[in-house]
Protein backbone atom coordinates (compact mmCIF):
# COMPACT_ATOMS: atom_id res chain seq x y z
CA UNK A 1 68.01 140.71 95.03
CA UNK A 2 65.05 140.93 92.98
CA UNK A 3 62.43 138.03 92.64
CA UNK A 4 63.38 137.92 88.94
CA UNK A 5 66.99 137.57 89.82
CA UNK A 6 66.53 134.95 92.26
CA UNK A 7 64.64 132.89 89.77
CA UNK A 8 67.20 133.51 87.34
CA UNK A 9 70.01 132.12 89.61
CA UNK A 10 68.16 129.25 90.55
CA UNK A 11 67.48 128.34 86.78
CA UNK A 12 70.95 128.75 86.43
CA UNK A 13 71.93 126.45 89.44
CA UNK A 14 69.42 123.78 88.14
CA UNK A 15 71.11 123.77 84.82
CA UNK A 16 74.75 123.78 86.32
CA UNK A 17 74.00 120.98 88.74
CA UNK A 18 72.08 118.99 86.07
CA UNK A 19 74.98 118.90 83.64
CA UNK A 20 73.67 121.59 81.23
CA UNK A 21 76.80 124.03 81.97
CA UNK A 22 76.62 125.05 78.24
CA UNK A 23 73.05 126.66 78.83
CA UNK A 24 74.09 127.99 82.21
CA UNK A 25 77.28 129.72 81.14
CA UNK A 26 75.62 132.36 78.95
CA UNK A 27 72.88 133.01 81.66
CA UNK A 28 75.35 133.54 84.21
CA UNK A 29 77.85 135.57 81.91
CA UNK A 30 74.84 138.14 81.30
CA UNK A 31 73.99 138.39 85.00
CA UNK A 32 77.58 138.89 85.98
CA UNK A 33 78.02 142.02 83.63
CA UNK A 34 75.44 143.90 85.73
CA UNK A 35 76.05 142.05 89.11
CA UNK A 36 79.94 141.43 88.84
CA UNK A 37 80.03 140.97 92.83
CA UNK A 38 77.65 138.40 93.15
CA UNK A 39 79.65 135.71 94.75
CA UNK A 40 76.73 133.11 94.42
CA UNK A 41 76.70 133.82 90.76
CA UNK A 42 80.69 133.67 90.41
CA UNK A 43 80.67 130.31 92.31
CA UNK A 44 77.99 129.03 89.97
CA UNK A 45 79.92 130.09 87.06
CA UNK A 46 83.24 128.47 88.26
CA UNK A 47 81.52 125.34 88.42
CA UNK A 48 79.93 125.26 84.94
CA UNK A 49 83.39 126.49 83.63
CA UNK A 50 85.26 123.51 85.31
CA UNK A 51 82.63 121.00 84.27
CA UNK A 52 83.01 122.36 80.65
CA UNK A 53 86.62 121.76 81.11
CA UNK A 54 87.60 125.43 80.51
CA UNK A 55 90.15 126.11 83.15
CA UNK A 56 90.97 129.60 81.90
CA UNK A 57 87.30 130.88 82.35
CA UNK A 58 87.37 129.15 85.83
CA UNK A 59 90.45 130.74 86.94
CA UNK A 60 89.55 134.14 85.75
CA UNK A 61 86.27 133.96 87.67
CA UNK A 62 87.88 132.48 90.97
CA UNK A 63 90.54 135.31 91.03
CA UNK A 64 87.69 137.93 90.61
CA UNK A 65 85.80 136.21 93.28
CA UNK A 66 88.76 136.02 95.63
CA UNK A 67 89.65 139.67 95.21
CA UNK A 68 86.04 140.36 96.70
CA UNK A 69 86.34 138.00 99.28
CA UNK A 70 89.56 136.42 100.07
CA UNK A 71 88.67 134.89 103.39
CA UNK A 72 86.60 132.12 101.92
CA UNK A 73 88.77 128.87 101.81
CA UNK A 74 87.06 126.75 99.24
CA UNK A 75 87.69 129.24 96.25
CA UNK A 76 91.38 129.10 96.98
CA UNK A 77 91.24 125.24 97.15
CA UNK A 78 89.63 125.32 93.78
CA UNK A 79 92.08 127.60 92.31
CA UNK A 80 94.76 125.35 93.44
CA UNK A 81 93.15 122.23 92.19
CA UNK A 82 93.33 123.60 88.50
CA UNK A 83 96.63 125.25 88.34
CA UNK A 84 100.09 123.56 89.13
CA UNK A 85 103.32 123.66 90.65
CA UNK A 86 104.41 126.64 92.93
CA UNK A 87 101.10 128.48 91.89
CA UNK A 88 99.02 125.87 93.17
CA UNK A 89 101.15 125.41 96.48
CA UNK A 90 100.40 129.15 97.01
CA UNK A 91 96.83 128.65 96.57
CA UNK A 92 96.40 125.48 98.85
CA UNK A 93 98.23 127.32 101.52
CA UNK A 94 95.93 130.18 101.48
CA UNK A 95 92.85 128.05 101.63
CA UNK A 96 94.58 126.03 104.49
CA UNK A 97 95.31 129.10 106.20
CA UNK A 98 91.91 130.33 105.59
CA UNK A 99 90.09 127.37 107.11
CA UNK A 100 92.44 127.35 110.24
CA UNK A 101 91.25 130.97 110.86
CA UNK A 102 87.56 129.64 110.57
CA UNK A 103 88.25 126.76 113.17
CA UNK A 104 89.87 129.30 115.58
CA UNK A 105 86.79 131.41 115.25
CA UNK A 106 84.50 128.63 115.86
CA UNK A 107 86.23 127.70 119.07
CA UNK A 108 84.83 124.34 118.95
CA UNK A 109 81.30 125.47 119.68
CA UNK A 110 79.74 123.70 116.93
CA UNK A 111 81.54 120.06 117.27
CA UNK A 112 80.19 118.55 114.09
CA UNK A 113 81.12 121.61 112.09
CA UNK A 114 84.47 121.52 113.69
CA UNK A 115 85.02 117.97 112.92
CA UNK A 116 84.21 118.74 109.38
CA UNK A 117 86.35 121.67 109.05
CA UNK A 118 89.14 119.44 110.37
CA UNK A 119 88.85 117.02 107.74
CA UNK A 120 88.84 119.74 105.16
CA UNK A 121 91.89 121.18 106.66
CA UNK A 122 93.51 117.56 106.46
CA UNK A 123 92.44 117.26 102.89
CA UNK A 124 94.36 120.70 102.19
CA UNK A 125 97.41 119.60 103.73
CA UNK A 126 97.16 116.35 101.73
CA UNK A 127 96.71 118.37 98.60
CA UNK A 128 99.94 120.07 99.29
CA UNK A 129 101.68 116.85 100.02
CA UNK A 130 100.54 115.58 96.60
CA UNK A 131 102.20 118.43 94.90
CA UNK A 132 105.47 117.71 96.56
CA UNK A 133 104.99 113.98 95.14
CA UNK A 134 104.12 115.26 91.64
CA UNK A 135 104.77 118.79 90.31
CA UNK A 136 107.21 119.72 92.96
CA UNK A 137 109.09 116.45 93.18
CA UNK A 138 112.34 117.97 91.93
CA UNK A 139 112.51 120.99 94.22
CA UNK A 140 115.08 120.87 97.10
CA UNK A 141 113.70 119.16 100.18
CA UNK A 142 110.35 118.05 98.61
CA UNK A 143 110.15 114.79 100.61
CA UNK A 144 110.81 116.45 103.71
CA UNK A 145 107.73 119.20 102.84
CA UNK A 146 105.58 116.06 101.75
CA UNK A 147 106.34 114.68 105.22
CA UNK A 148 105.76 117.83 107.07
CA UNK A 149 102.46 118.48 105.21
CA UNK A 150 101.17 114.88 105.69
CA UNK A 151 102.15 115.21 109.45
CA UNK A 152 99.94 118.20 109.63
CA UNK A 153 97.18 116.71 108.04
CA UNK A 154 96.95 114.00 110.36
CA UNK A 155 97.31 116.26 113.37
CA UNK A 156 94.32 118.21 111.89
CA UNK A 157 92.23 114.90 111.46
CA UNK A 158 92.81 111.19 111.16
CA UNK A 159 89.22 110.90 109.76
CA UNK A 160 90.27 112.30 106.42
CA UNK A 161 90.45 110.01 103.65
CA UNK A 162 92.53 111.97 101.54
CA UNK A 163 95.05 112.38 104.38
CA UNK A 164 95.23 108.73 105.08
CA UNK A 165 95.70 107.95 101.43
CA UNK A 166 98.51 110.37 101.32
CA UNK A 167 100.24 109.10 103.87
CA UNK A 168 99.65 105.44 102.64
CA UNK A 169 100.95 106.54 98.90
CA UNK A 170 104.05 108.07 100.22
CA UNK A 171 105.06 105.14 102.51
CA UNK A 172 104.37 102.78 99.53
CA UNK A 173 106.41 104.95 97.08
CA UNK A 174 109.37 104.85 99.83
CA UNK A 175 109.07 101.39 99.72
CA UNK A 176 107.75 100.93 103.26
CA UNK A 177 104.62 98.83 102.42
CA UNK A 178 104.06 97.58 105.96
CA UNK A 179 103.97 101.31 107.11
CA UNK A 180 101.52 102.15 104.41
CA UNK A 181 99.13 99.37 105.10
CA UNK A 182 97.44 100.79 108.31
CA UNK A 183 96.94 104.09 106.52
CA UNK A 184 95.41 102.47 103.38
CA UNK A 185 93.03 100.26 105.60
CA UNK A 186 91.78 103.54 107.46
CA UNK A 187 91.35 105.17 104.26
CA UNK A 188 89.17 102.26 102.77
CA UNK A 189 87.21 102.28 106.00
CA UNK A 190 86.40 105.87 105.92
CA UNK A 191 85.01 105.71 102.26
CA UNK A 192 82.93 102.77 103.18
CA UNK A 193 81.62 104.82 106.09
CA UNK A 194 81.12 107.93 103.81
CA UNK A 195 79.39 106.14 101.28
CA UNK A 196 78.16 107.83 98.11
CA UNK A 197 77.23 111.22 99.77
CA UNK A 198 79.53 113.11 97.32
CA UNK A 199 82.28 114.02 100.00
CA UNK A 200 84.82 112.01 98.13
CA UNK A 201 85.12 112.21 94.56
CA UNK A 202 84.81 109.63 91.85
CA UNK A 203 88.61 110.17 90.71
CA UNK A 204 89.90 110.01 94.43
CA UNK A 205 88.15 106.81 95.06
CA UNK A 206 89.48 105.08 91.94
CA UNK A 207 93.03 106.35 93.28
CA UNK A 208 92.44 104.47 96.34
CA UNK A 209 91.42 101.44 94.48
CA UNK A 210 94.46 101.56 92.25
CA UNK A 211 96.82 101.94 95.51
CA UNK A 212 94.98 98.74 96.95
CA UNK A 213 95.48 96.81 93.95
CA UNK A 214 99.31 97.87 93.66
CA UNK A 215 99.49 96.81 97.35
CA UNK A 216 98.22 93.22 96.82
CA UNK A 217 94.54 94.22 98.33
CA UNK A 218 92.59 93.09 95.33
CA UNK A 219 89.48 92.30 97.24
CA UNK A 220 89.22 95.84 98.56
CA UNK A 221 89.98 97.18 95.27
CA UNK A 222 87.22 95.07 93.78
CA UNK A 223 84.79 96.44 96.45
CA UNK A 224 85.61 100.20 96.00
CA UNK A 225 85.36 99.76 91.95
CA UNK A 226 81.95 97.98 92.39
CA UNK A 227 80.60 100.98 94.07
CA UNK A 228 82.06 103.25 91.50
CA UNK A 229 80.53 101.40 88.79
CA UNK A 230 77.01 101.60 90.70
CA UNK A 231 77.64 105.42 90.81
CA UNK A 232 78.79 105.40 87.25
CA UNK A 233 79.28 102.61 84.80
CA UNK A 234 79.91 104.68 81.52
CA UNK A 235 83.77 105.09 82.14
CA UNK A 236 85.46 102.35 80.08
CA UNK A 237 88.71 102.48 82.12
CA UNK A 238 86.82 101.34 85.37
CA UNK A 239 85.49 98.26 83.69
CA UNK A 240 89.08 97.33 82.48
CA UNK A 241 90.24 98.18 86.05
CA UNK A 242 87.36 95.81 87.53
CA UNK A 243 88.37 93.14 85.28
CA UNK A 244 92.18 93.43 86.49
CA UNK A 245 90.93 93.31 90.21
CA UNK A 246 88.82 89.97 89.51
CA UNK A 247 91.91 88.44 87.53
CA UNK A 248 94.06 89.14 90.59
CA UNK A 249 91.38 87.45 92.80
CA UNK A 250 91.33 84.48 90.28
CA UNK A 251 87.72 85.01 89.51
CA UNK A 252 88.23 84.46 85.93
CA UNK A 253 84.73 84.31 84.80
CA UNK A 254 84.06 87.59 86.37
CA UNK A 255 87.02 88.91 85.31
CA UNK A 256 86.12 88.10 81.60
CA UNK A 257 82.48 89.47 81.76
CA UNK A 258 83.91 92.83 82.80
CA UNK A 259 86.77 92.70 80.18
CA UNK A 260 84.11 92.02 77.46
CA UNK A 261 82.23 95.13 78.70
CA UNK A 262 85.36 97.25 78.17
CA UNK A 263 86.05 95.84 74.76
CA UNK A 264 82.59 96.43 73.75
CA UNK A 265 82.83 100.14 75.14
CA UNK A 266 85.97 100.40 73.25
CA UNK A 267 84.72 99.35 69.92
CA UNK A 268 82.23 102.21 70.01
CA UNK A 269 84.99 104.97 71.47
CA UNK A 270 88.45 103.41 70.34
CA UNK A 271 91.43 104.01 72.76
CA UNK A 272 94.24 101.97 70.93
CA UNK A 273 96.41 102.06 74.34
CA UNK A 274 93.48 100.64 76.46
CA UNK A 275 92.20 98.30 73.72
CA UNK A 276 95.83 96.86 73.62
CA UNK A 277 95.85 96.61 77.53
CA UNK A 278 92.55 94.46 77.08
CA UNK A 279 94.00 92.37 74.52
CA UNK A 280 96.88 91.46 77.19
CA UNK A 281 94.57 90.93 79.91
CA UNK A 282 92.51 88.67 77.80
CA UNK A 283 95.21 86.39 76.80
CA UNK A 284 96.44 86.22 80.56
CA UNK A 285 92.89 85.02 81.47
CA UNK A 286 93.09 82.44 78.82
CA UNK A 287 96.04 81.08 79.91
CA UNK A 288 94.38 81.03 83.47
CA UNK A 289 91.46 79.12 82.07
CA UNK A 290 93.32 76.58 80.09
CA UNK A 291 95.82 75.50 82.97
CA UNK A 292 92.60 75.13 85.05
């Protein structure tokens, strides 16, 4: 690769990770016309397409990259993430198989790397379980497949937040809240330990917070949502959810402040359903204040 090509890809990478995917895509498209097998460029192109929300472009590029290198797990997992149903399931299973082969080859030589790989394998099995709780929930034997996937996830690693969340979520759905609690507690602990290093997505942590609130763990939910707001305070749904958490904790002053922030944001970018929910919460807080 020439110095000019290296500089071009570095510029594209800077744009992609800086959020300027609209500028990055044409650069990468031009480069890939003459270098269609460059996997680094294809990976950048996939990220830019996914950030743009163009799943069609991302799927095409991922399939091309996989045809060049079918043994790299993250591309299979990414492809599964942006597809659904049986197609997603096949991708996840290919990704998990690739990771398991990678772990076998590592042979435990690099303990830290192997631990990370085991967590990724557990996360992969958790993604399979999630499919059987959503897209494939009506398939014959879906619950058994979900149980099987989560058991495999826990065997791979108990230090995977996504695996622990999957177990907690399934037990909660099954009406087994007591069995769900230790898994949820472990998940929250891992999130606290990991911090904000990017290993766990914003959306995943929000899902954990929502499950905490559903299971009556409002304090844990509030802790997670505060961390989310410190990462990104531009998402109105998170401000509304924070208000819900503090209302559940009877911290009505804080709940009101967060709710006001959510309402102010909705006035600038209206979302009728969410505004209606805010109005209902405002009435609920008002009743509590009046009683006090």
